[in-house]
C-alpha atoms as a PDB file:
ATOM      1  CA  MET A   1      87.991  66.082  92.916  1.00  0.00           C
ATOM      2  CA  SER A   2      87.204  62.884  91.489  1.00  0.00           C
ATOM      3  CA  GLU A   3      88.222  61.493  88.355  1.00  0.00           C
ATOM      4  CA  ASN A   4      84.596  60.378  87.402  1.00  0.00           C
ATOM      5  CA  THR A   5      83.282  63.987  88.000  1.00  0.00           C
ATOM      6  CA  PRO A   6      81.179  64.623  84.392  1.00  0.00           C
ATOM      7  CA  LEU A   7      82.479  67.492  82.261  1.00  0.00           C
ATOM      8  CA  GLN A   8      79.151  68.962  82.021  1.00  0.00           C
ATOM      9  CA  THR A   9      80.709  72.767  82.132  1.00  0.00           C
ATOM     10  CA  VAL A  10      81.488  74.291  78.513  1.00  0.00           C
ATOM     11  CA  LEU A  11      84.076  76.812  79.329  1.00  0.00           C
ATOM     12  CA  PRO A  12      83.349  80.510  78.128  1.00  0.00           C
ATOM     13  CA  ILE A  13      85.624  81.100  74.959  1.00  0.00           C
ATOM     14  CA  ALA A  14      86.689  84.416  76.569  1.00  0.00           C
ATOM     15  CA  LEU A  15      88.268  82.455  79.404  1.00  0.00           C
ATOM     16  CA  LYS A  16      89.918  80.277  77.014  1.00  0.00           C
ATOM     17  CA  ASN A  17      91.157  82.935  74.668  1.00  0.00           C
ATOM     18  CA  TRP A  18      92.630  84.952  77.825  1.00  0.00           C
ATOM     19  CA  VAL A  19      94.426  81.866  78.961  1.00  0.00           C
ATOM     20  CA  ASN A  20      95.999  80.960  75.535  1.00  0.00           C
ATOM     21  CA  GLN A  21      96.857  84.789  75.225  1.00  0.00           C
ATOM     22  CA  GLN A  22      98.958  85.214  78.441  1.00  0.00           C
ATOM     23  CA  LEU A  23     100.327  81.233  77.940  1.00  0.00           C
ATOM     24  CA  SER A  24     101.570  82.127  74.457  1.00  0.00           C
ATOM     25  CA  THR A  25     102.849  85.596  75.715  1.00  0.00           C
ATOM     26  CA  ALA A  26     104.813  84.019  78.344  1.00  0.00           C
ATOM     27  CA  ILE A  27     106.552  81.420  76.211  1.00  0.00           C
ATOM     28  CA  LYS A  28     107.786  84.228  73.744  1.00  0.00           C
ATOM     29  CA  ILE A  29     109.379  85.860  76.433  1.00  0.00           C
ATOM     30  CA  SER A  30     111.223  82.592  78.067  1.00  0.00           C
ATOM     31  CA  PRO A  31     110.277  79.026  78.488  1.00  0.00           C
ATOM     32  CA  LEU A  32     110.525  79.802  82.235  1.00  0.00           C
ATOM     33  CA  GLU A  33     108.687  83.202  82.416  1.00  0.00           C
ATOM     34  CA  VAL A  34     106.228  83.426  84.935  1.00  0.00           C
ATOM     35  CA  ARG A  35     102.538  84.973  84.272  1.00  0.00           C
ATOM     36  CA  ARG A  36      99.263  84.959  85.349  1.00  0.00           C
ATOM     37  CA  LEU A  37      97.175  83.374  82.721  1.00  0.00           C
ATOM     38  CA  PHE A  38      93.726  84.107  84.023  1.00  0.00           C
ATOM     39  CA  HIS A  39      92.599  86.866  86.425  1.00  0.00           C
ATOM     40  CA  GLY A  40      89.054  85.995  87.453  1.00  0.00           C
ATOM     41  CA  ARG A  41      88.859  88.208  90.473  1.00  0.00           C
ATOM     42  CA  SER A  42      88.482  90.996  87.806  1.00  0.00           C
ATOM     43  CA  GLY A  43      84.856  89.776  87.465  1.00  0.00           C
ATOM     44  CA  SER A  44      85.045  89.984  84.197  1.00  0.00           C
ATOM     45  CA  ILE A  45      83.901  86.366  83.246  1.00  0.00           C
ATOM     46  CA  GLU A  46      80.513  85.537  85.296  1.00  0.00           C
ATOM     47  CA  GLY A  47      81.264  82.364  87.457  1.00  0.00           C
ATOM     48  CA  PHE A  48      84.615  82.506  87.621  1.00  0.00           C
ATOM     49  CA  SER A  49      85.654  85.424  89.920  1.00  0.00           C
ATOM     50  CA  GLN A  50      86.491  83.006  92.708  1.00  0.00           C
ATOM     51  CA  MET A  51      89.492  81.587  90.389  1.00  0.00           C
ATOM     52  CA  VAL A  52      92.461  82.933  89.124  1.00  0.00           C
ATOM     53  CA  ILE A  53      95.426  80.518  87.451  1.00  0.00           C
ATOM     54  CA  ASP A  54      99.189  81.298  87.535  1.00  0.00           C
ATOM     55  CA  TRP A  55     101.874  79.796  84.896  1.00  0.00           C
ATOM     56  CA  LEU A  56     105.057  78.486  86.985  1.00  0.00           C
ATOM     57  CA  PRO A  57     106.835  76.881  84.306  1.00  0.00           C
ATOM     58  CA  ASN A  58     105.660  73.901  83.433  1.00  0.00           C
ATOM     59  CA  VAL A  59     102.423  74.361  86.394  1.00  0.00           C
ATOM     60  CA  ALA A  60      99.528  75.140  85.852  1.00  0.00           C
ATOM     61  CA  VAL A  61      98.349  76.555  89.406  1.00  0.00           C
ATOM     62  CA  ILE A  62      94.559  77.154  89.904  1.00  0.00           C
ATOM     63  CA  ARG A  63      93.881  79.184  93.313  1.00  0.00           C
ATOM     64  CA  LEU A  64      90.262  78.870  94.567  1.00  0.00           C
ATOM     65  CA  TYR A  65      89.204  81.994  97.166  1.00  0.00           C
ATOM     66  CA  GLN A  66      85.998  80.287  97.189  1.00  0.00           C
ATOM     67  CA  ASP A  67      84.309  77.042  96.834  1.00  0.00           C
ATOM     68  CA  MET A  68      83.767  76.318  92.719  1.00  0.00           C
ATOM     69  CA  ASP A  69      81.341  74.153  90.887  1.00  0.00           C
ATOM     70  CA  ALA A  70      83.319  70.337  90.630  1.00  0.00           C
ATOM     71  CA  SER A  71      82.241  70.100  86.719  1.00  0.00           C
ATOM     72  CA  ALA A  72      83.559  73.627  85.937  1.00  0.00           C
ATOM     73  CA  LEU A  73      86.615  73.211  87.808  1.00  0.00           C
ATOM     74  CA  ALA A  74      87.152  69.300  86.138  1.00  0.00           C
ATOM     75  CA  ALA A  75      86.544  71.412  82.871  1.00  0.00           C
ATOM     76  CA  VAL A  76      89.341  73.972  83.567  1.00  0.00           C
ATOM     77  CA  VAL A  77      91.716  71.181  84.500  1.00  0.00           C
ATOM     78  CA  SER A  78      91.096  69.296  81.196  1.00  0.00           C
ATOM     79  CA  PHE A  79      91.473  72.346  79.270  1.00  0.00           C
ATOM     80  CA  LEU A  80      94.952  73.036  80.940  1.00  0.00           C
ATOM     81  CA  ALA A  81      96.245  69.566  80.748  1.00  0.00           C
ATOM     82  CA  ALA A  82      95.076  69.171  76.996  1.00  0.00           C
ATOM     83  CA  LYS A  83      98.149  71.817  76.315  1.00  0.00           C
ATOM     84  CA  GLU A  84     101.342  70.641  75.569  1.00  0.00           C
ATOM     85  CA  ALA A  85     103.490  73.227  77.462  1.00  0.00           C
ATOM     86  CA  VAL A  86     101.571  72.298  80.589  1.00  0.00           C
ATOM     87  CA  LEU A  87     103.366  69.095  82.858  1.00  0.00           C
ATOM     88  CA  GLY A  88     101.270  69.383  86.031  1.00  0.00           C
ATOM     89  CA  VAL A  89      98.130  71.041  87.217  1.00  0.00           C
ATOM     90  CA  LEU A  90      97.714  71.885  90.894  1.00  0.00           C
ATOM     91  CA  ILE A  91      94.590  73.496  92.954  1.00  0.00           C
ATOM     92  CA  GLN A  92      95.167  75.525  95.432  1.00  0.00           C
ATOM     93  CA  GLU A  93      92.274  76.378  98.097  1.00  0.00           C
ATOM     94  CA  ARG A  94      93.116  79.466  99.879  1.00  0.00           C
ATOM     95  CA  GLY A  95      91.573  82.778 101.618  1.00  0.00           C
ATOM     96  CA  ARG A  96      91.604  84.797 104.988  1.00  0.00           C
ATOM     97  CA  LYS A  97      88.857  82.219 106.679  1.00  0.00           C
ATOM     98  CA  ARG A  98      89.599  78.731 104.622  1.00  0.00           C
ATOM     99  CA  ASP A  99      92.694  76.658 105.226  1.00  0.00           C
ATOM    100  CA  THR A 100      95.148  76.341 102.379  1.00  0.00           C
ATOM    101  CA  LYS A 101      95.116  72.863 100.488  1.00  0.00           C
ATOM    102  CA  PHE A 102      96.737  71.568  97.809  1.00  0.00           C
ATOM    103  CA  GLU A 103      95.786  69.235  94.916  1.00  0.00           C
ATOM    104  CA  ILE A 104      97.863  67.660  92.241  1.00  0.00           C
ATOM    105  CA  ALA A 105      94.933  67.424  89.701  1.00  0.00           C
ATOM    106  CA  TYR A 106      97.069  66.359  86.490  1.00  0.00           C
ATOM    107  CA  GLY A 107     100.842  65.420  85.942  1.00  0.00           C
ATOM    108  CA  GLU A 108     103.443  66.075  88.342  1.00  0.00           C
ATOM    109  CA  VAL A 109     104.104  69.297  90.432  1.00  0.00           C
ATOM    110  CA  PRO A 110     107.961  69.559  91.570  1.00  0.00           C
ATOM    111  CA  SER A 111     108.628  70.809  95.033  1.00  0.00           C
ATOM    112  CA  THR A 112     110.799  73.337  93.687  1.00  0.00           C
ATOM    113  CA  LEU A 113     110.882  75.308  90.666  1.00  0.00           C
ATOM    114  CA  ILE A 114     113.463  77.532  88.755  1.00  0.00           C
ATOM    115  CA  VAL A 115     111.553  80.270  86.787  1.00  0.00           C
ATOM    116  CA  GLU A 116     112.122  83.583  85.505  1.00  0.00           C
ATOM    117  CA  GLU A 117     110.646  87.163  85.112  1.00  0.00           C
ATOM    118  CA  SER A 118     112.286  89.750  82.804  1.00  0.00           C
ATOM    119  CA  GLY A 119     115.365  87.463  82.389  1.00  0.00           C
ATOM    120  CA  LEU A 120     115.700  87.152  86.456  1.00  0.00           C
ATOM    121  CA  LYS A 121     115.427  83.653  88.228  1.00  0.00           C
ATOM    122  CA  PHE A 122     113.589  82.759  91.331  1.00  0.00           C
ATOM    123  CA  GLN A 123     113.059  79.723  93.345  1.00  0.00           C
ATOM    124  CA  LEU A 124     109.550  79.012  93.670  1.00  0.00           C
ATOM    125  CA  THR A 125     107.896  75.960  96.240  1.00  0.00           C
ATOM    126  CA  PRO A 126     104.257  75.747  94.821  1.00  0.00           C
ATOM    127  CA  LEU A 127     103.625  72.995  97.461  1.00  0.00           C
ATOM    128  CA  GLU A 128     104.716  74.371 100.975  1.00  0.00           C
ATOM    129  CA  SER A 129     102.569  77.725 101.823  1.00  0.00           C
ATOM    130  CA  GLN A 130     100.101  79.828 100.671  1.00  0.00           C
ATOM    131  CA  ASN A 131     102.450  82.016  98.631  1.00  0.00           C
ATOM    132  CA  PHE A 132     104.810  80.410  96.590  1.00  0.00           C
ATOM    133  CA  GLY A 133     107.576  82.696  96.808  1.00  0.00           C
ATOM    134  CA  LEU A 134     106.972  85.638  94.003  1.00  0.00           C
ATOM    135  CA  PHE A 135     104.041  88.308  93.837  1.00  0.00           C
ATOM    136  CA  LEU A 136     103.618  88.229  90.375  1.00  0.00           C
ATOM    137  CA  ASP A 137     101.339  91.363  90.301  1.00  0.00           C
ATOM    138  CA  MET A 138     104.620  93.214  91.425  1.00  0.00           C
ATOM    139  CA  ARG A 139     106.296  92.849  88.172  1.00  0.00           C
ATOM    140  CA  ASN A 140     105.927  96.546  87.163  1.00  0.00           C
ATOM    141  CA  GLY A 141     107.139  97.634  90.648  1.00  0.00           C
ATOM    142  CA  ARG A 142     110.519  95.541  90.092  1.00  0.00           C
ATOM    143  CA  SER A 143     111.027  96.711  86.556  1.00  0.00           C
ATOM    144  CA  TRP A 144     110.421 100.338  88.070  1.00  0.00           C
ATOM    145  CA  LEU A 145     113.071  99.534  90.706  1.00  0.00           C
ATOM    146  CA  ARG A 146     115.605  98.017  88.417  1.00  0.00           C
ATOM    147  CA  GLU A 147     115.538 101.059  86.212  1.00  0.00           C
ATOM    148  CA  ASN A 148     116.181 103.603  89.038  1.00  0.00           C
ATOM    149  CA  ALA A 149     118.512 101.647  91.337  1.00  0.00           C
ATOM    150  CA  GLN A 150     121.666 102.370  89.874  1.00  0.00           C
ATOM    151  CA  ASP A 151     124.425 103.210  92.601  1.00  0.00           C
ATOM    152  CA  CYS A 152     121.802 103.546  95.292  1.00  0.00           C
ATOM    153  CA  LYS A 153     121.340 102.286  98.839  1.00  0.00           C
ATOM    154  CA  VAL A 154     117.839 100.476  98.865  1.00  0.00           C
ATOM    155  CA  LEU A 155     115.761  99.481 102.023  1.00  0.00           C
ATOM    156  CA  ASN A 156     113.699  96.595 101.206  1.00  0.00           C
ATOM    157  CA  LEU A 157     110.731  96.445 103.830  1.00  0.00           C
ATOM    158  CA  PHE A 158     108.830  92.805 104.292  1.00  0.00           C
ATOM    159  CA  SER A 159     111.129  91.380 101.691  1.00  0.00           C
ATOM    160  CA  TYR A 160     109.998  88.206 101.836  1.00  0.00           C
ATOM    161  CA  THR A 161     111.921  86.156  99.404  1.00  0.00           C
ATOM    162  CA  CYS A 162     113.719  89.168  98.221  1.00  0.00           C
ATOM    163  CA  ALA A 163     112.554  89.562  94.718  1.00  0.00           C
ATOM    164  CA  PHE A 164     112.942  93.174  94.671  1.00  0.00           C
ATOM    165  CA  SER A 165     116.256  93.244  95.952  1.00  0.00           C
ATOM    166  CA  VAL A 166     117.351  91.037  93.088  1.00  0.00           C
ATOM    167  CA  ALA A 167     115.759  93.428  90.811  1.00  0.00           C
ATOM    168  CA  ALA A 168     117.848  96.119  92.744  1.00  0.00           C
ATOM    169  CA  VAL A 169     120.887  94.694  92.385  1.00  0.00           C
ATOM    170  CA  ALA A 170     120.284  93.739  88.583  1.00  0.00           C
ATOM    171  CA  GLY A 171     119.893  97.349  88.069  1.00  0.00           C
ATOM    172  CA  GLY A 172     123.033  98.127  89.615  1.00  0.00           C
ATOM    173  CA  ALA A 173     122.010  99.144  93.382  1.00  0.00           C
ATOM    174  CA  HIS A 174     125.365  99.729  95.594  1.00  0.00           C
ATOM    175  CA  LEU A 175     123.434  97.970  98.515  1.00  0.00           C
ATOM    176  CA  VAL A 176     120.169  96.392  99.380  1.00  0.00           C
ATOM    177  CA  THR A 177     118.950  95.762 102.930  1.00  0.00           C
ATOM    178  CA  ASN A 178     116.498  93.469 102.996  1.00  0.00           C
ATOM    179  CA  VAL A 179     114.148  93.173 106.484  1.00  0.00           C
ATOM    180  CA  ASP A 180     111.807  90.163 107.104  1.00  0.00           C
ATOM    181  CA  LEU A 181     110.657  88.418 110.105  1.00  0.00           C
ATOM    182  CA  SER A 182     110.956  84.991 108.328  1.00  0.00           C
ATOM    183  CA  LYS A 183     114.244  83.644 108.544  1.00  0.00           C
ATOM    184  CA  ARG A 184     113.166  80.722 105.955  1.00  0.00           C
ATOM    185  CA  ALA A 185     112.118  83.757 103.097  1.00  0.00           C
ATOM    186  CA  LEU A 186     115.411  85.316 103.594  1.00  0.00           C
ATOM    187  CA  SER A 187     117.189  82.090 102.963  1.00  0.00           C
ATOM    188  CA  ILE A 188     115.250  81.944  99.779  1.00  0.00           C
ATOM    189  CA  GLY A 189     116.058  85.074  99.013  1.00  0.00           C
ATOM    190  CA  ARG A 190     119.762  84.431  99.177  1.00  0.00           C
ATOM    191  CA  LYS A 191     119.475  81.749  97.054  1.00  0.00           C
ATOM    192  CA  ASN A 192     117.773  84.199  94.606  1.00  0.00           C
ATOM    193  CA  HIS A 193     120.861  86.078  94.645  1.00  0.00           C
ATOM    194  CA  GLN A 194     122.974  83.261  93.975  1.00  0.00           C
ATOM    195  CA  LEU A 195     120.731  82.306  91.110  1.00  0.00           C
ATOM    196  CA  ASN A 196     121.343  85.430  89.566  1.00  0.00           C
ATOM    197  CA  GLU A 197     124.946  85.221  90.219  1.00  0.00           C
ATOM    198  CA  HIS A 198     125.232  88.585  92.260  1.00  0.00           C
ATOM    199  CA  ASN A 199     127.989  89.649  94.535  1.00  0.00           C
ATOM    200  CA  LYS A 200     127.000  88.920  98.337  1.00  0.00           C
ATOM    201  CA  ALA A 201     128.466  92.166  99.502  1.00  0.00           C
ATOM    202  CA  ASN A 202     125.516  93.978  97.721  1.00  0.00           C
ATOM    203  CA  SER A 203     122.910  92.582  99.789  1.00  0.00           C
ATOM    204  CA  LEU A 204     122.216  92.298 103.299  1.00  0.00           C
ATOM    205  CA  PHE A 205     119.771  90.352 105.213  1.00  0.00           C
ATOM    206  CA  MET A 206     118.146  91.049 108.751  1.00  0.00           C
ATOM    207  CA  PRO A 207     115.558  88.735 110.044  1.00  0.00           C
ATOM    208  CA  TYR A 208     114.013  91.179 112.660  1.00  0.00           C
ATOM    209  CA  ASP A 209     110.420  92.570 113.240  1.00  0.00           C
ATOM    210  CA  MET A 210     110.529  95.522 111.841  1.00  0.00           C
ATOM    211  CA  LEU A 211     108.598  97.524 114.196  1.00  0.00           C
ATOM    212  CA  LYS A 212     110.895  96.678 116.958  1.00  0.00           C
ATOM    213  CA  SER A 213     114.114  96.943 115.153  1.00  0.00           C
ATOM    214  CA  TRP A 214     114.532 100.797 113.871  1.00  0.00           C
ATOM    215  CA  SER A 215     117.641 101.356 115.392  1.00  0.00           C
ATOM    216  CA  ARG A 216     119.393  98.444 113.760  1.00  0.00           C
ATOM    217  CA  ILE A 217     117.653  98.826 110.543  1.00  0.00           C
ATOM    218  CA  LYS A 218     118.998 102.288 109.806  1.00  0.00           C
ATOM    219  CA  LYS A 219     122.596 101.814 110.548  1.00  0.00           C
ATOM    220  CA  PRO A 220     123.568 100.671 106.668  1.00  0.00           C
ATOM    221  CA  GLY A 221     121.330 103.825 105.715  1.00  0.00           C
ATOM    222  CA  PRO A 222     120.768 106.665 104.967  1.00  0.00           C
ATOM    223  CA  PHE A 223     118.714 105.079 101.899  1.00  0.00           C
ATOM    224  CA  ASP A 224     118.328 106.350  98.502  1.00  0.00           C
ATOM    225  CA  ILE A 225     115.348 103.975  97.885  1.00  0.00           C
ATOM    226  CA  VAL A 226     112.625 102.478 100.274  1.00  0.00           C
ATOM    227  CA  VAL A 227     110.259  99.751  99.069  1.00  0.00           C
ATOM    228  CA  ILE A 228     107.316  98.851 101.626  1.00  0.00           C
ATOM    229  CA  ASP A 229     105.227  96.156 100.447  1.00  0.00           C
ATOM    230  CA  PRO A 230     103.697  94.505 103.384  1.00  0.00           C
ATOM    231  CA  PRO A 231     100.742  91.915 103.550  1.00  0.00           C
ATOM    232  CA  SER A 232      97.214  93.459 103.934  1.00  0.00           C
ATOM    233  CA  PHE A 233      96.600  90.796 106.958  1.00  0.00           C
ATOM    234  CA  GLN A 234      98.965  89.038 109.297  1.00  0.00           C
ATOM    235  CA  PRO A 235      97.846  88.453 112.490  1.00  0.00           C
ATOM    236  CA  GLY A 236     100.496  88.685 115.018  1.00  0.00           C
ATOM    237  CA  SER A 237     103.041  90.572 113.182  1.00  0.00           C
ATOM    238  CA  PHE A 238     101.412  93.057 110.898  1.00  0.00           C
ATOM    239  CA  ILE A 239      97.696  94.613 110.132  1.00  0.00           C
ATOM    240  CA  VAL A 240      97.731  97.257 107.750  1.00  0.00           C
ATOM    241  CA  GLU A 241      94.952  99.565 109.540  1.00  0.00           C
ATOM    242  CA  LYS A 242      97.118  99.936 112.691  1.00  0.00           C
ATOM    243  CA  ASP A 243     100.515  99.176 111.579  1.00  0.00           C
ATOM    244  CA  TYR A 244     101.226 100.896 108.368  1.00  0.00           C
ATOM    245  CA  VAL A 245     101.325 104.269 110.068  1.00  0.00           C
ATOM    246  CA  LYS A 246     104.232 103.269 111.955  1.00  0.00           C
ATOM    247  CA  VAL A 247     106.640 102.290 108.930  1.00  0.00           C
ATOM    248  CA  LEU A 248     105.453 105.666 107.441  1.00  0.00           C
ATOM    249  CA  ARG A 249     106.644 107.415 110.435  1.00  0.00           C
ATOM    250  CA  ARG A 250     110.192 106.303 110.197  1.00  0.00           C
ATOM    251  CA  LEU A 251     110.976 107.228 106.748  1.00  0.00           C
ATOM    252  CA  SER A 252     112.548 110.807 107.571  1.00  0.00           C
ATOM    253  CA  GLN A 253     114.964 108.881 109.625  1.00  0.00           C
ATOM    254  CA  LEU A 254     115.741 106.341 106.989  1.00  0.00           C
ATOM    255  CA  THR A 255     116.487 108.224 104.206  1.00  0.00           C
ATOM    256  CA  THR A 256     118.464 110.804 102.180  1.00  0.00           C
ATOM    257  CA  GLY A 257     116.971 114.183 101.157  1.00  0.00           C
ATOM    258  CA  GLN A 258     116.194 112.903  97.633  1.00  0.00           C
ATOM    259  CA  ALA A 259     114.897 109.763  98.415  1.00  0.00           C
ATOM    260  CA  LYS A 260     112.286 107.688  96.694  1.00  0.00           C
ATOM    261  CA  VAL A 261     109.548 105.468  97.940  1.00  0.00           C
ATOM    262  CA  MET A 262     107.791 102.612  96.537  1.00  0.00           C
ATOM    263  CA  VAL A 263     104.685 102.319  98.570  1.00  0.00           C
ATOM    264  CA  CYS A 264     102.346  99.269  97.909  1.00  0.00           C
ATOM    265  CA  HIS A 265      99.077  98.079  99.047  1.00  0.00           C
ATOM    266  CA  ASN A 266      97.517  95.084  97.964  1.00  0.00           C
ATOM    267  CA  ASP A 267      93.961  94.987  99.802  1.00  0.00           C
ATOM    268  CA  PRO A 268      91.466  95.274  96.867  1.00  0.00           C
ATOM    269  CA  ALA A 269      88.655  96.511  99.583  1.00  0.00           C
ATOM    270  CA  GLN A 270      90.780  99.772 100.225  1.00  0.00           C
ATOM    271  CA  THR A 271      91.456 102.134  97.500  1.00  0.00           C
ATOM    272  CA  SER A 272      94.772 104.196  96.866  1.00  0.00           C
ATOM    273  CA  ASP A 273      93.330 106.907  98.778  1.00  0.00           C
ATOM    274  CA  PHE A 274      93.991 105.198 102.048  1.00  0.00           C
ATOM    275  CA  VAL A 275      97.643 104.891 101.255  1.00  0.00           C
ATOM    276  CA  ARG A 276      97.713 108.565  99.929  1.00  0.00           C
ATOM    277  CA  THR A 277      95.954 109.842 103.053  1.00  0.00           C
ATOM    278  CA  LEU A 278      98.523 108.362 105.098  1.00  0.00           C
ATOM    279  CA  MET A 279     101.447 109.641 103.284  1.00  0.00           C
ATOM    280  CA  ALA A 280     100.285 113.147 103.735  1.00  0.00           C
ATOM    281  CA  GLN A 281      99.407 112.917 107.258  1.00  0.00           C
ATOM    282  CA  GLU A 282     102.971 111.338 108.052  1.00  0.00           C
ATOM    283  CA  CYS A 283     105.476 112.228 105.549  1.00  0.00           C
ATOM    284  CA  PRO A 284     104.791 115.589 104.099  1.00  0.00           C
ATOM    285  CA  GLU A 285     108.255 115.969 103.171  1.00  0.00           C
ATOM    286  CA  PHE A 286     107.327 113.213 100.613  1.00  0.00           C
ATOM    287  CA  HIS A 287     105.521 114.457  97.536  1.00  0.00           C
ATOM    288  CA  TYR A 288     103.582 111.707  94.974  1.00  0.00           C
ATOM    289  CA  GLN A 289     105.160 111.020  91.649  1.00  0.00           C
ATOM    290  CA  GLU A 290     103.221 108.320  89.998  1.00  0.00           C
ATOM    291  CA  ARG A 291     101.115 105.151  90.119  1.00  0.00           C
ATOM    292  CA  LEU A 292     102.634 102.403  88.301  1.00  0.00           C
ATOM    293  CA  VAL A 293     100.399 100.721  85.824  1.00  0.00           C
ATOM    294  CA  VAL A 294      99.062  97.188  86.995  1.00  0.00           C
ATOM    295  CA  PRO A 295     100.845  94.333  85.020  1.00  0.00           C
ATOM    296  CA  GLU A 296      98.480  93.800  81.921  1.00  0.00           C
ATOM    297  CA  ASP A 297      97.832  90.049  82.986  1.00  0.00           C
ATOM    298  CA  PHE A 298      96.188  91.456  86.273  1.00  0.00           C
ATOM    299  CA  SER A 299      93.947  94.211  84.700  1.00  0.00           C
ATOM    300  CA  GLU A 300      90.678  94.829  86.701  1.00  0.00           C
ATOM    301  CA  SER A 301      87.786  96.817  85.476  1.00  0.00           C
ATOM    302  CA  ASP A 302      87.784  99.038  88.703  1.00  0.00           C
ATOM    303  CA  LEU A 303      91.500 100.123  89.075  1.00  0.00           C
ATOM    304  CA  GLU A 304      91.295 100.489  92.692  1.00  0.00           C
ATOM    305  CA  LYS A 305      90.565  96.918  93.345  1.00  0.00           C
ATOM    306  CA  SER A 306      94.123  96.009  91.726  1.00  0.00           C
ATOM    307  CA  THR A 307      97.393  96.213  93.411  1.00  0.00           C
ATOM    308  CA  LYS A 308      98.380 100.013  94.353  1.00  0.00           C
ATOM    309  CA  VAL A 309     102.046 100.807  93.780  1.00  0.00           C
ATOM    310  CA  LEU A 310     102.760 104.559  94.469  1.00  0.00           C
ATOM    311  CA  ILE A 311     105.719 106.362  93.950  1.00  0.00           C
ATOM    312  CA  TYR A 312     107.091 109.253  96.171  1.00  0.00           C
ATOM    313  CA  GLN A 313     110.094 111.263  96.350  1.00  0.00           C
ATOM    314  CA  ARG A 314     111.457 113.334  99.111  1.00  0.00           C
ATOM    315  CA  ASN A 315     112.149 117.199  98.717  1.00  0.00           C
ATOM    316  CA  ASP A 316     113.874 118.989 101.639  1.00  0.00           C
END
């Protein structure tokens, strides 16, 4: 974006109010608290549905899923840069059919940030990849796990940087087994546990292709809680439509007789019926308990377009 781009766009007051409210909420919780400042993908403000803004103290990250009018984007950057708490503004272009690109539009953006969510610390890398290290829409899932993990063995599939593991250990989990194909992500996961001063004995890290490694994964079990939070589309490793069922078919071998399972799905194109149908077909011994509430900073006019987080319990 050129510095000479004219600021011809007047931002909607509703957008400004949304950002101001979420930023104020985050700062009141903690100077390091992460938050989604604007969830344009809800479609509630015309002309800004391709944009979301995340708060990674003290950096505002504008994520664009489609191209945006240059003057409108410049107006958003100026609005954010004028805020005392904002020391840097980062623009990220992303999407399934787009190369990920970064532009520091204002101030400075460190390569590494240490942030907080609900009192827990996490290391983020905003400039390195499409995902910076923490999926903010799963906050209520991590809270649920923290409240239910006391003395449990937890299996964290598709663990990424082990945010669920951090929440589980903080909630008193006896052992969390983290499985992810990325050694780098698991390395950051270890760092996240260190940041929270967790005992090393409470977490295991398995850099495996889980679809080929079930015999090794089940050894630390059986598990009292299983978290399944896969990417919706990751060619070469996992595609939801054909691979999710392969995971669900293993649940009975991995779990105790009263185990709980958190089944997640983040594709807005598919409803919760996708997961519920698979669970009914493949895991009839697991009974639906509840759907977790979507964090208020990710509210959608159509609930089924938001992240689906469903809780099931086994009853033998």
